[in-house]
Amino acid sequence: MTDSLLRVCRTCGRYTLSPNCPVDHSETRTPHPVRFSPQDRWGKYRRALQAEPGS
C-alpha cells in the first residue's frame, strides 16, 4: 500500500505533508481510513478494539 501525501498531526489536528508536525514536532498519520477488504483476517479484532468503551 502506498503512503498518502496528506498527513494529519495526532495531537493538534493540523494537516501537513511531512512525517512530523511542524508546530509541535509530534508524529503524523494518514487521515484516510484503511481500505476495506472482505478477506481481511484481522478486521474483527480491529473493530472490537474501536468498540471498547475505554478506547
PDB file of N, CA and C in Angstrom:
ATOM      1  N   MET A   1       0.846  -1.168   0.000  1.00  0.00           N
ATOM      2  CA  MET A   1       0.000   0.000   0.000  1.00  0.00           C
ATOM      3  C   MET A   1       0.893   1.232   0.000  1.00  0.00           C
ATOM      4  N   THR A   2       0.567   2.201  -0.808  1.00  0.00           N
ATOM      5  CA  THR A   2       1.384   3.406  -0.891  1.00  0.00           C
ATOM      6  C   THR A   2       0.954   4.406   0.162  1.00  0.00           C
ATOM      7  N   ASP A   3       1.908   5.197   0.579  1.00  0.00           N
ATOM      8  CA  ASP A   3       1.608   6.234   1.559  1.00  0.00           C
ATOM      9  C   ASP A   3       0.921   7.409   0.889  1.00  0.00           C
ATOM     10  N   SER A   4       0.036   8.008   1.613  1.00  0.00           N
ATOM     11  CA  SER A   4      -0.649   9.198   1.156  1.00  0.00           C
ATOM     12  C   SER A   4       0.259  10.399   1.359  1.00  0.00           C
ATOM     13  N   LEU A   5       0.128  11.413   0.535  1.00  0.00           N
ATOM     14  CA  LEU A   5       0.915  12.626   0.720  1.00  0.00           C
ATOM     15  C   LEU A   5       0.382  13.448   1.885  1.00  0.00           C
ATOM     16  N   LEU A   6      -0.917  13.520   2.025  1.00  0.00           N
ATOM     17  CA  LEU A   6      -1.528  14.310   3.078  1.00  0.00           C
ATOM     18  C   LEU A   6      -1.451  13.566   4.400  1.00  0.00           C
ATOM     19  N   ARG A   7      -1.070  14.282   5.459  1.00  0.00           N
ATOM     20  CA  ARG A   7      -0.955  13.689   6.787  1.00  0.00           C
ATOM     21  C   ARG A   7      -1.574  14.647   7.793  1.00  0.00           C
ATOM     22  N   VAL A   8      -1.997  14.099   8.952  1.00  0.00           N
ATOM     23  CA  VAL A   8      -2.602  14.916   9.999  1.00  0.00           C
ATOM     24  C   VAL A   8      -1.874  14.633  11.312  1.00  0.00           C
ATOM     25  N   CYS A   9      -1.679  15.694  12.104  1.00  0.00           N
ATOM     26  CA  CYS A   9      -0.989  15.575  13.386  1.00  0.00           C
ATOM     27  C   CYS A   9      -1.888  14.862  14.385  1.00  0.00           C
ATOM     28  N   ARG A  10      -1.318  13.969  15.185  1.00  0.00           N
ATOM     29  CA  ARG A  10      -2.088  13.218  16.180  1.00  0.00           C
ATOM     30  C   ARG A  10      -2.521  14.091  17.349  1.00  0.00           C
ATOM     31  N   THR A  11      -1.759  15.115  17.689  1.00  0.00           N
ATOM     32  CA  THR A  11      -2.073  15.907  18.878  1.00  0.00           C
ATOM     33  C   THR A  11      -2.857  17.178  18.572  1.00  0.00           C
ATOM     34  N   CYS A  12      -2.422  17.955  17.578  1.00  0.00           N
ATOM     35  CA  CYS A  12      -3.098  19.242  17.342  1.00  0.00           C
ATOM     36  C   CYS A  12      -4.090  19.206  16.187  1.00  0.00           C
ATOM     37  N   GLY A  13      -4.052  18.170  15.340  1.00  0.00           N
ATOM     38  CA  GLY A  13      -5.022  18.036  14.257  1.00  0.00           C
ATOM     39  C   GLY A  13      -4.696  18.841  13.014  1.00  0.00           C
ATOM     40  N   ARG A  14      -3.516  19.421  12.929  1.00  0.00           N
ATOM     41  CA  ARG A  14      -3.124  20.190  11.738  1.00  0.00           C
ATOM     42  C   ARG A  14      -2.755  19.252  10.603  1.00  0.00           C
ATOM     43  N   TYR A  15      -3.084  19.673   9.387  1.00  0.00           N
ATOM     44  CA  TYR A  15      -2.736  18.901   8.201  1.00  0.00           C
ATOM     45  C   TYR A  15      -1.385  19.369   7.681  1.00  0.00           C
ATOM     46  N   THR A  16      -0.566  18.413   7.221  1.00  0.00           N
ATOM     47  CA  THR A  16       0.767  18.709   6.722  1.00  0.00           C
ATOM     48  C   THR A  16       1.175  17.654   5.704  1.00  0.00           C
ATOM     49  N   LEU A  17       2.297  17.863   5.059  1.00  0.00           N
ATOM     50  CA  LEU A  17       2.841  16.881   4.129  1.00  0.00           C
ATOM     51  C   LEU A  17       4.045  16.153   4.712  1.00  0.00           C
ATOM     52  N   SER A  18       4.517  16.578   5.872  1.00  0.00           N
ATOM     53  CA  SER A  18       5.719  15.989   6.464  1.00  0.00           C
ATOM     54  C   SER A  18       5.355  14.885   7.457  1.00  0.00           C
ATOM     55  N   PRO A  19       6.304  13.999   7.756  1.00  0.00           N
ATOM     56  CA  PRO A  19       6.028  12.917   8.710  1.00  0.00           C
ATOM     57  C   PRO A  19       5.945  13.382  10.155  1.00  0.00           C
ATOM     58  N   ASN A  20       6.408  14.608  10.437  1.00  0.00           N
ATOM     59  CA  ASN A  20       6.314  15.188  11.777  1.00  0.00           C
ATOM     60  C   ASN A  20       5.631  16.541  11.691  1.00  0.00           C
ATOM     61  N   CYS A  21       4.869  16.889  12.721  1.00  0.00           N
ATOM     62  CA  CYS A  21       4.149  18.151  12.759  1.00  0.00           C
ATOM     63  C   CYS A  21       5.138  19.320  12.835  1.00  0.00           C
ATOM     64  N   PRO A  22       4.971  20.347  12.005  1.00  0.00           N
ATOM     65  CA  PRO A  22       5.885  21.482  12.057  1.00  0.00           C
ATOM     66  C   PRO A  22       5.693  22.349  13.303  1.00  0.00           C
ATOM     67  N   VAL A  23       4.560  22.235  13.987  1.00  0.00           N
ATOM     68  CA  VAL A  23       4.285  23.067  15.156  1.00  0.00           C
ATOM     69  C   VAL A  23       4.784  22.421  16.437  1.00  0.00           C
ATOM     70  N   ASP A  24       4.332  21.201  16.734  1.00  0.00           N
ATOM     71  CA  ASP A  24       4.723  20.563  17.999  1.00  0.00           C
ATOM     72  C   ASP A  24       5.639  19.352  17.806  1.00  0.00           C
ATOM     73  N   HIS A  25       6.067  19.071  16.587  1.00  0.00           N
ATOM     74  CA  HIS A  25       7.044  18.027  16.259  1.00  0.00           C
ATOM     75  C   HIS A  25       6.614  16.626  16.671  1.00  0.00           C
ATOM     76  N   SER A  26       5.312  16.389  16.788  1.00  0.00           N
ATOM     77  CA  SER A  26       4.832  15.042  17.084  1.00  0.00           C
ATOM     78  C   SER A  26       4.615  14.279  15.778  1.00  0.00           C
ATOM     79  N   GLU A  27       4.405  12.983  15.885  1.00  0.00           N
ATOM     80  CA  GLU A  27       4.232  12.119  14.722  1.00  0.00           C
ATOM     81  C   GLU A  27       2.895  12.389  14.044  1.00  0.00           C
ATOM     82  N   THR A  28       2.859  12.309  12.730  1.00  0.00           N
ATOM     83  CA  THR A  28       1.618  12.479  11.979  1.00  0.00           C
ATOM     84  C   THR A  28       1.164  11.129  11.448  1.00  0.00           C
ATOM     85  N   ARG A  29      -0.105  11.076  11.024  1.00  0.00           N
ATOM     86  CA  ARG A  29      -0.659   9.842  10.463  1.00  0.00           C
ATOM     87  C   ARG A  29      -1.488  10.203   9.243  1.00  0.00           C
ATOM     88  N   THR A  30      -1.845   9.214   8.464  1.00  0.00           N
ATOM     89  CA  THR A  30      -2.678   9.457   7.296  1.00  0.00           C
ATOM     90  C   THR A  30      -4.128   9.663   7.747  1.00  0.00           C
ATOM     91  N   PRO A  31      -4.853  10.627   7.189  1.00  0.00           N
ATOM     92  CA  PRO A  31      -6.224  10.871   7.617  1.00  0.00           C
ATOM     93  C   PRO A  31      -7.251   9.945   6.966  1.00  0.00           C
ATOM     94  N   HIS A  32      -6.817   9.089   6.076  1.00  0.00           N
ATOM     95  CA  HIS A  32      -7.720   8.218   5.338  1.00  0.00           C
ATOM     96  C   HIS A  32      -7.910   6.890   6.060  1.00  0.00           C
ATOM     97  N   PRO A  33      -9.105   6.316   6.037  1.00  0.00           N
ATOM     98  CA  PRO A  33      -9.319   5.013   6.672  1.00  0.00           C
ATOM     99  C   PRO A  33      -8.655   3.894   5.870  1.00  0.00           C
ATOM    100  N   VAL A  34      -8.491   2.756   6.514  1.00  0.00           N
ATOM    101  CA  VAL A  34      -7.912   1.589   5.861  1.00  0.00           C
ATOM    102  C   VAL A  34      -8.880   1.089   4.799  1.00  0.00           C
ATOM    103  N   ARG A  35      -8.355   0.647   3.686  1.00  0.00           N
ATOM    104  CA  ARG A  35      -9.179   0.142   2.595  1.00  0.00           C
ATOM    105  C   ARG A  35      -9.903  -1.133   3.026  1.00  0.00           C
ATOM    106  N   PHE A  36     -11.193  -1.249   2.694  1.00  0.00           N
ATOM    107  CA  PHE A  36     -11.988  -2.411   3.079  1.00  0.00           C
ATOM    108  C   PHE A  36     -11.680  -3.586   2.176  1.00  0.00           C
ATOM    109  N   SER A  37     -11.584  -4.760   2.772  1.00  0.00           N
ATOM    110  CA  SER A  37     -11.400  -5.994   2.024  1.00  0.00           C
ATOM    111  C   SER A  37     -12.206  -7.106   2.699  1.00  0.00           C
ATOM    112  N   PRO A  38     -13.012  -7.853   1.964  1.00  0.00           N
ATOM    113  CA  PRO A  38     -13.753  -8.961   2.563  1.00  0.00           C
ATOM    114  C   PRO A  38     -12.834 -10.062   3.088  1.00  0.00           C
ATOM    115  N   GLN A  39     -11.616 -10.147   2.578  1.00  0.00           N
ATOM    116  CA  GLN A  39     -10.677 -11.160   3.020  1.00  0.00           C
ATOM    117  C   GLN A  39      -9.817 -10.693   4.195  1.00  0.00           C
ATOM    118  N   ASP A  40     -10.151  -9.563   4.812  1.00  0.00           N
ATOM    119  CA  ASP A  40      -9.379  -9.019   5.923  1.00  0.00           C
ATOM    120  C   ASP A  40      -9.430  -9.970   7.110  1.00  0.00           C
ATOM    121  N   ARG A  41      -8.285 -10.564   7.439  1.00  0.00           N
ATOM    122  CA  ARG A  41      -8.238 -11.553   8.510  1.00  0.00           C
ATOM    123  C   ARG A  41      -8.336 -10.921   9.896  1.00  0.00           C
ATOM    124  N   TRP A  42      -7.919  -9.660  10.047  1.00  0.00           N
ATOM    125  CA  TRP A  42      -7.820  -9.038  11.366  1.00  0.00           C
ATOM    126  C   TRP A  42      -8.870  -7.956  11.586  1.00  0.00           C
ATOM    127  N   GLY A  43      -9.798  -7.782  10.664  1.00  0.00           N
ATOM    128  CA  GLY A  43     -10.814  -6.730  10.760  1.00  0.00           C
ATOM    129  C   GLY A  43     -11.697  -6.840  11.989  1.00  0.00           C
ATOM    130  N   LYS A  44     -12.102  -8.050  12.352  1.00  0.00           N
ATOM    131  CA  LYS A  44     -12.989  -8.192  13.504  1.00  0.00           C
ATOM    132  C   LYS A  44     -12.286  -7.784  14.794  1.00  0.00           C
ATOM    133  N   TYR A  45     -10.989  -8.002  14.886  1.00  0.00           N
ATOM    134  CA  TYR A  45     -10.246  -7.599  16.084  1.00  0.00           C
ATOM    135  C   TYR A  45     -10.080  -6.078  16.140  1.00  0.00           C
ATOM    136  N   ARG A  46      -9.814  -5.462  14.981  1.00  0.00           N
ATOM    137  CA  ARG A  46      -9.676  -4.007  14.913  1.00  0.00           C
ATOM    138  C   ARG A  46     -10.984  -3.315  15.287  1.00  0.00           C
ATOM    139  N   ARG A  47     -12.100  -3.855  14.788  1.00  0.00           N
ATOM    140  CA  ARG A  47     -13.403  -3.276  15.123  1.00  0.00           C
ATOM    141  C   ARG A  47     -13.741  -3.475  16.591  1.00  0.00           C
ATOM    142  N   ALA A  48     -13.343  -4.602  17.173  1.00  0.00           N
ATOM    143  CA  ALA A  48     -13.596  -4.853  18.589  1.00  0.00           C
ATOM    144  C   ALA A  48     -12.813  -3.869  19.465  1.00  0.00           C
ATOM    145  N   LEU A  49     -11.583  -3.551  19.070  1.00  0.00           N
ATOM    146  CA  LEU A  49     -10.799  -2.568  19.814  1.00  0.00           C
ATOM    147  C   LEU A  49     -11.416  -1.179  19.743  1.00  0.00           C
ATOM    148  N   GLN A  50     -11.968  -0.801  18.592  1.00  0.00           N
ATOM    149  CA  GLN A  50     -12.595   0.501  18.442  1.00  0.00           C
ATOM    150  C   GLN A  50     -13.905   0.576  19.231  1.00  0.00           C
ATOM    151  N   ALA A  51     -14.578  -0.556  19.421  1.00  0.00           N
ATOM    152  CA  ALA A  51     -15.870  -0.575  20.105  1.00  0.00           C
ATOM    153  C   ALA A  51     -15.720  -0.575  21.622  1.00  0.00           C
ATOM    154  N   GLU A  52     -14.516  -0.835  22.137  1.00  0.00           N
ATOM    155  CA  GLU A  52     -14.320  -0.833  23.583  1.00  0.00           C
ATOM    156  C   GLU A  52     -14.555   0.558  24.148  1.00  0.00           C
ATOM    157  N   PRO A  53     -15.241   0.665  25.272  1.00  0.00           N
ATOM    158  CA  PRO A  53     -15.566   1.987  25.837  1.00  0.00           C
ATOM    159  C   PRO A  53     -14.339   2.776  26.300  1.00  0.00           C
ATOM    160  N   GLY A  54     -13.255   2.121  26.674  1.00  0.00           N
ATOM    161  CA  GLY A  54     -12.067   2.817  27.149  1.00  0.00           C
ATOM    162  C   GLY A  54     -11.145   3.313  26.041  1.00  0.00           C
ATOM    163  N   SER A  55     -11.456   3.019  24.784  1.00  0.00           N
ATOM    164  CA  SER A  55     -10.573   3.386  23.677  1.00  0.00           C
ATOM    165  C   SER A  55     -10.859   4.756  23.155  1.00  0.00           C
TER     166      SER A  55
END
